[in-house]
């Protein structure tokens, strides 16, 4: 029995590390009893492995050793009051969380874009069926990853480093010249995976060429079917599989 396109996409996301913990655990259990799924995951891991080798080594700053010696030689600063210490620890934890999220997001973005480049070169003669878009403010600030199965035109939106807007909702839009005004694809969650089939109403050529955007809307979504403001995250689809 051949692997379904959905399972192959899950295998790719398993290798990328973009599945949530529950989905990853389920797939890890399945691969133990499904040889084809296990082979697909291994194939994706092998495909992604060269990306790590393409990253140039990073040398630490030359003065770091001198800084370490200076801190060893200098006397320890006086202890902070308990309240100040707690505040400092809370601030440090918050910064650490932001740094960790940024590192994970940047790694996911690089892997996703790398997969697109690899498959664009290796499957030119085969029409791709799976696409991915990274919706972001800038190249170093990815917020959501959108995957699309062009055969069914179903899509999945996974949060990468998006923060839930206080008292507001995120809404996803498809934007294309052939469609005129932006068309809503529904609300998306900054903390959960969102799946929908609302792209079925559109031609595959429109789906693959369109721009996808996220706006901040009132709770429940746009009241008039139009974006309430400028997009906060945008992206376009790239092929990631045959």
Protein backbone atom coordinates (compact mmCIF):
# COMPACT_ATOMS: atom_id res chain seq x y z
CA UNK A 1 0.00 0.00 0.00
CA UNK A 2 1.46 3.35 -1.06
CA UNK A 3 1.69 6.23 1.38
CA UNK A 4 -1.09 8.83 1.08
CA UNK A 5 -0.22 12.50 0.32
CA UNK A 6 -1.48 13.46 3.81
CA UNK A 7 0.83 10.95 5.52
CA UNK A 8 3.77 12.06 3.37
CA UNK A 9 3.10 15.65 4.43
CA UNK A 10 2.97 14.53 8.07
CA UNK A 11 6.28 12.72 7.59
CA UNK A 12 7.80 15.94 6.26
CA UNK A 13 6.48 17.95 9.21
CA UNK A 14 7.77 15.26 11.61
CA UNK A 15 11.25 15.66 10.10
CA UNK A 16 10.96 19.47 10.25
CA UNK A 17 9.81 19.38 13.87
CA UNK A 18 6.68 21.48 13.25
CA UNK A 19 4.11 19.01 14.63
CA UNK A 20 2.62 19.71 18.04
CA UNK A 21 3.56 17.27 20.84
CA UNK A 22 0.38 15.17 20.56
CA UNK A 23 0.65 14.81 16.78
CA UNK A 24 4.35 13.99 17.01
CA UNK A 25 3.72 11.29 19.62
CA UNK A 26 0.95 9.77 17.49
CA UNK A 27 3.15 9.71 14.40
CA UNK A 28 6.10 8.29 16.36
CA UNK A 29 3.87 5.42 17.49
CA UNK A 30 2.56 4.84 13.97
CA UNK A 31 6.02 4.67 12.41
CA UNK A 32 6.84 1.71 14.67
CA UNK A 33 4.12 -0.39 13.04
CA UNK A 34 3.97 1.19 9.56
CA UNK A 35 7.18 0.57 7.58
CA UNK A 36 6.16 2.87 4.71
CA UNK A 37 5.60 5.79 7.08
CA UNK A 38 8.92 5.11 8.81
CA UNK A 39 10.67 5.02 5.42
CA UNK A 40 9.05 8.33 4.43
CA UNK A 41 10.23 10.02 7.64
CA UNK A 42 13.75 8.68 7.11
CA UNK A 43 13.70 9.92 3.51
CA UNK A 44 12.68 13.41 4.61
CA UNK A 45 15.36 13.43 7.32
CA UNK A 46 17.95 12.45 4.72
CA UNK A 47 16.71 15.20 2.41
CA UNK A 48 16.94 17.82 5.14
CA UNK A 49 20.31 16.69 6.52
CA UNK A 50 22.42 18.57 3.91
CA UNK A 51 20.82 21.84 5.01
CA UNK A 52 22.73 21.67 8.29
CA UNK A 53 26.00 21.26 6.41
CA UNK A 54 25.23 24.37 4.36
CA UNK A 55 25.20 26.57 7.46
CA UNK A 56 28.61 28.27 7.82
CA UNK A 57 30.44 27.91 11.16
CA UNK A 58 30.14 30.84 13.55
CA UNK A 59 33.25 31.99 15.38
CA UNK A 60 32.75 33.45 18.88
CA UNK A 61 33.86 37.07 19.42
CA UNK A 62 37.63 37.32 19.94
CA UNK A 63 37.29 39.23 23.22
CA UNK A 64 35.04 36.69 24.97
CA UNK A 65 37.92 34.99 26.79
CA UNK A 66 39.15 38.37 28.04
CA UNK A 67 35.64 39.18 29.27
CA UNK A 68 35.47 35.88 31.16
CA UNK A 69 38.85 36.52 32.80
CA UNK A 70 37.78 40.05 33.75
CA UNK A 71 34.62 38.76 35.42
CA UNK A 72 36.65 36.16 37.34
CA UNK A 73 39.11 38.80 38.55
CA UNK A 74 36.48 41.38 39.53
CA UNK A 75 34.80 41.07 42.92
CA UNK A 76 31.22 39.77 42.99
CA UNK A 77 28.63 42.55 43.00
CA UNK A 78 26.59 43.04 46.13
CA UNK A 79 23.50 40.91 46.35
CA UNK A 80 20.33 42.54 45.09
CA UNK A 81 17.29 42.89 47.35
CA UNK A 82 14.93 39.91 47.08
CA UNK A 83 12.29 41.88 45.16
CA UNK A 84 14.85 43.14 42.65
CA UNK A 85 16.25 39.63 42.25
CA UNK A 86 12.78 38.23 41.51
CA UNK A 87 12.15 40.99 38.97
CA UNK A 88 15.51 40.34 37.32
CA UNK A 89 14.82 36.60 37.10
CA UNK A 90 11.37 37.20 35.61
CA UNK A 91 12.86 39.55 33.01
CA UNK A 92 15.57 37.03 32.17
CA UNK A 93 13.03 34.21 31.78
CA UNK A 94 10.93 36.40 29.47
CA UNK A 95 13.95 37.27 27.31
CA UNK A 96 15.00 33.62 27.24
CA UNK A 97 11.53 32.63 26.06
CA UNK A 98 11.65 35.19 23.26
CA UNK A 99 15.15 34.10 22.21
CA UNK A 100 14.11 30.44 22.22
CA UNK A 101 10.98 31.16 20.17
CA UNK A 102 12.99 33.23 17.70
CA UNK A 103 15.59 30.49 17.33
CA UNK A 104 12.95 27.80 16.75
CA UNK A 105 11.10 30.01 14.29
CA UNK A 106 14.23 30.86 12.34
CA UNK A 107 15.23 27.20 12.21
CA UNK A 108 11.78 26.15 11.00
CA UNK A 109 11.76 28.89 8.38
CA UNK A 110 15.19 27.93 7.06
CA UNK A 111 14.20 24.26 6.88
CA UNK A 112 10.93 24.99 5.11
CA UNK A 113 12.56 27.23 2.54
CA UNK A 114 15.36 24.71 2.08
CA UNK A 115 12.86 21.94 1.41
CA UNK A 116 11.20 24.11 -1.21
CA UNK A 117 14.49 24.74 -3.00
CA UNK A 118 15.47 21.06 -2.93
CA UNK A 119 12.17 19.89 -4.35
CA UNK A 120 11.94 22.66 -6.92
CA UNK A 121 15.20 21.41 -8.41
CA UNK A 122 14.52 17.69 -8.07
CA UNK A 123 10.89 17.60 -9.27
CA UNK A 124 10.76 20.04 -12.15
CA UNK A 125 9.21 17.42 -14.42
CA UNK A 126 6.50 16.53 -11.88
CA UNK A 127 3.68 18.86 -10.92
CA UNK A 128 3.91 19.46 -7.15
CA UNK A 129 0.97 18.60 -4.93
CA UNK A 130 2.12 20.01 -1.59
CA UNK A 131 2.88 23.69 -0.94
CA UNK A 132 3.97 25.74 2.06
CA UNK A 133 3.91 29.46 2.84
CA UNK A 134 5.61 31.18 5.76
CA UNK A 135 3.55 34.18 6.86
CA UNK A 136 5.81 36.78 8.41
CA UNK A 137 6.48 40.44 9.09
CA UNK A 138 10.06 40.14 7.87
CA UNK A 139 12.46 37.30 6.93
CA UNK A 140 13.58 36.96 10.56
CA UNK A 141 10.08 37.13 12.09
CA UNK A 142 7.96 34.17 10.90
CA UNK A 143 4.53 33.91 12.55
CA UNK A 144 2.57 31.11 10.84
CA UNK A 145 3.31 28.24 8.45
CA UNK A 146 0.56 27.38 5.95
CA UNK A 147 0.59 24.02 4.14
CA UNK A 148 -1.74 23.36 1.21
CA UNK A 149 -2.66 20.12 -0.56
CA UNK A 150 -3.39 21.40 -4.06
CA UNK A 151 -5.37 18.28 -5.01
CA UNK A 152 -7.95 18.76 -2.25
CA UNK A 153 -7.14 22.46 -1.72
CA UNK A 154 -7.30 21.87 2.02
CA UNK A 155 -4.93 23.92 4.16
CA UNK A 156 -3.34 23.72 7.58
CA UNK A 157 -2.08 26.74 9.54
CA UNK A 158 0.49 26.13 12.26
CA UNK A 159 1.66 28.89 14.63
CA UNK A 160 5.44 29.36 14.58
CA UNK A 161 6.07 32.39 16.78
CA UNK A 162 2.81 34.32 16.61
CA UNK A 163 1.47 35.91 19.76
CA UNK A 164 -2.30 36.03 20.34
CA UNK A 165 -3.61 39.60 19.91
CA UNK A 166 -5.18 40.80 23.15
CA UNK A 167 -8.95 41.04 22.78
CA UNK A 168 -8.70 40.53 19.00
CA UNK A 169 -8.72 37.71 16.44
CA UNK A 170 -6.37 36.76 13.60
CA UNK A 171 -8.07 36.28 10.23
CA UNK A 172 -6.51 34.67 7.14
CA UNK A 173 -7.07 36.07 3.64
CA UNK A 174 -6.31 35.02 0.07
CA UNK A 175 -5.30 37.89 -2.22
CA UNK A 176 -5.12 37.56 -6.01
CA UNK A 177 -5.74 39.88 -8.96
CA UNK A 178 -8.31 37.45 -10.40
CA UNK A 179 -10.35 37.60 -7.20
CA UNK A 180 -10.53 41.37 -6.87
CA UNK A 181 -10.95 42.16 -3.17
CA UNK A 182 -9.26 39.92 -0.56
CA UNK A 183 -11.33 36.86 0.35
CA UNK A 184 -11.51 35.57 3.92
CA UNK A 185 -10.36 32.04 4.70
CA UNK A 186 -11.56 32.27 8.29
CA UNK A 187 -10.07 32.82 11.72
CA UNK A 188 -6.78 31.22 12.75
CA UNK A 189 -5.45 30.51 16.23
CA UNK A 190 -2.06 31.71 17.47
CA UNK A 191 -1.90 28.79 19.90
CA UNK A 192 -3.48 25.89 18.00
CA UNK A 193 -3.33 24.25 14.58
CA UNK A 194 -6.10 25.40 12.23
CA UNK A 195 -7.37 23.18 9.39
CA UNK A 196 -9.98 24.09 6.76
CA UNK A 197 -11.08 23.32 3.21
CA UNK A 198 -12.14 26.84 2.18
CA UNK A 199 -9.69 26.89 -0.75
CA UNK A 200 -11.88 24.37 -2.60
CA UNK A 201 -13.83 27.28 -4.04
CA UNK A 202 -10.76 28.53 -5.93
CA UNK A 203 -8.93 27.36 -9.04
CA UNK A 204 -5.59 25.62 -8.30
CA UNK A 205 -3.70 28.24 -10.35
CA UNK A 206 -5.19 30.99 -8.19
CA UNK A 207 -4.39 29.09 -5.00
CA UNK A 208 -0.71 28.58 -5.87
CA UNK A 209 -0.10 32.11 -7.20
CA UNK A 210 -1.99 34.05 -4.53
CA UNK A 211 -0.61 35.98 -1.60
CA UNK A 212 -1.79 34.90 1.85
CA UNK A 213 -2.19 37.52 4.56
CA UNK A 214 -3.23 37.75 8.20
CA UNK A 215 -5.01 40.76 9.69
CA UNK A 216 -5.99 41.63 13.24
CA UNK A 217 -9.79 41.77 13.50
CA UNK A 218 -12.42 42.26 16.21
CA UNK A 219 -13.33 39.11 18.17
CA UNK A 220 -15.08 36.70 15.81
CA UNK A 221 -13.58 38.18 12.66
CA UNK A 222 -14.19 41.03 10.24
CA UNK A 223 -17.74 42.39 10.66
CA UNK A 224 -18.17 43.29 6.98
CA UNK A 225 -16.15 40.63 5.12
CA UNK A 226 -13.32 43.06 4.42
CA UNK A 227 -9.92 43.43 6.14
CA UNK A 228 -10.14 45.99 8.95
CA UNK A 229 -6.56 47.11 8.42
CA UNK A 230 -3.26 46.36 6.74
CA UNK A 231 -1.94 42.78 6.97
CA UNK A 232 0.41 42.03 9.86
CA UNK A 233 1.82 38.83 8.27
CA UNK A 234 2.08 37.89 4.57
CA UNK A 235 3.58 35.09 2.47
CA UNK A 236 3.36 33.11 -0.79
CA UNK A 237 3.27 29.38 -1.43
CA UNK A 238 6.30 27.42 -2.61
CA UNK A 239 6.24 23.75 -3.68
CA UNK A 240 7.61 21.22 -1.17
CA UNK A 241 6.79 17.87 -2.74
CA UNK A 242 5.73 16.04 -5.90
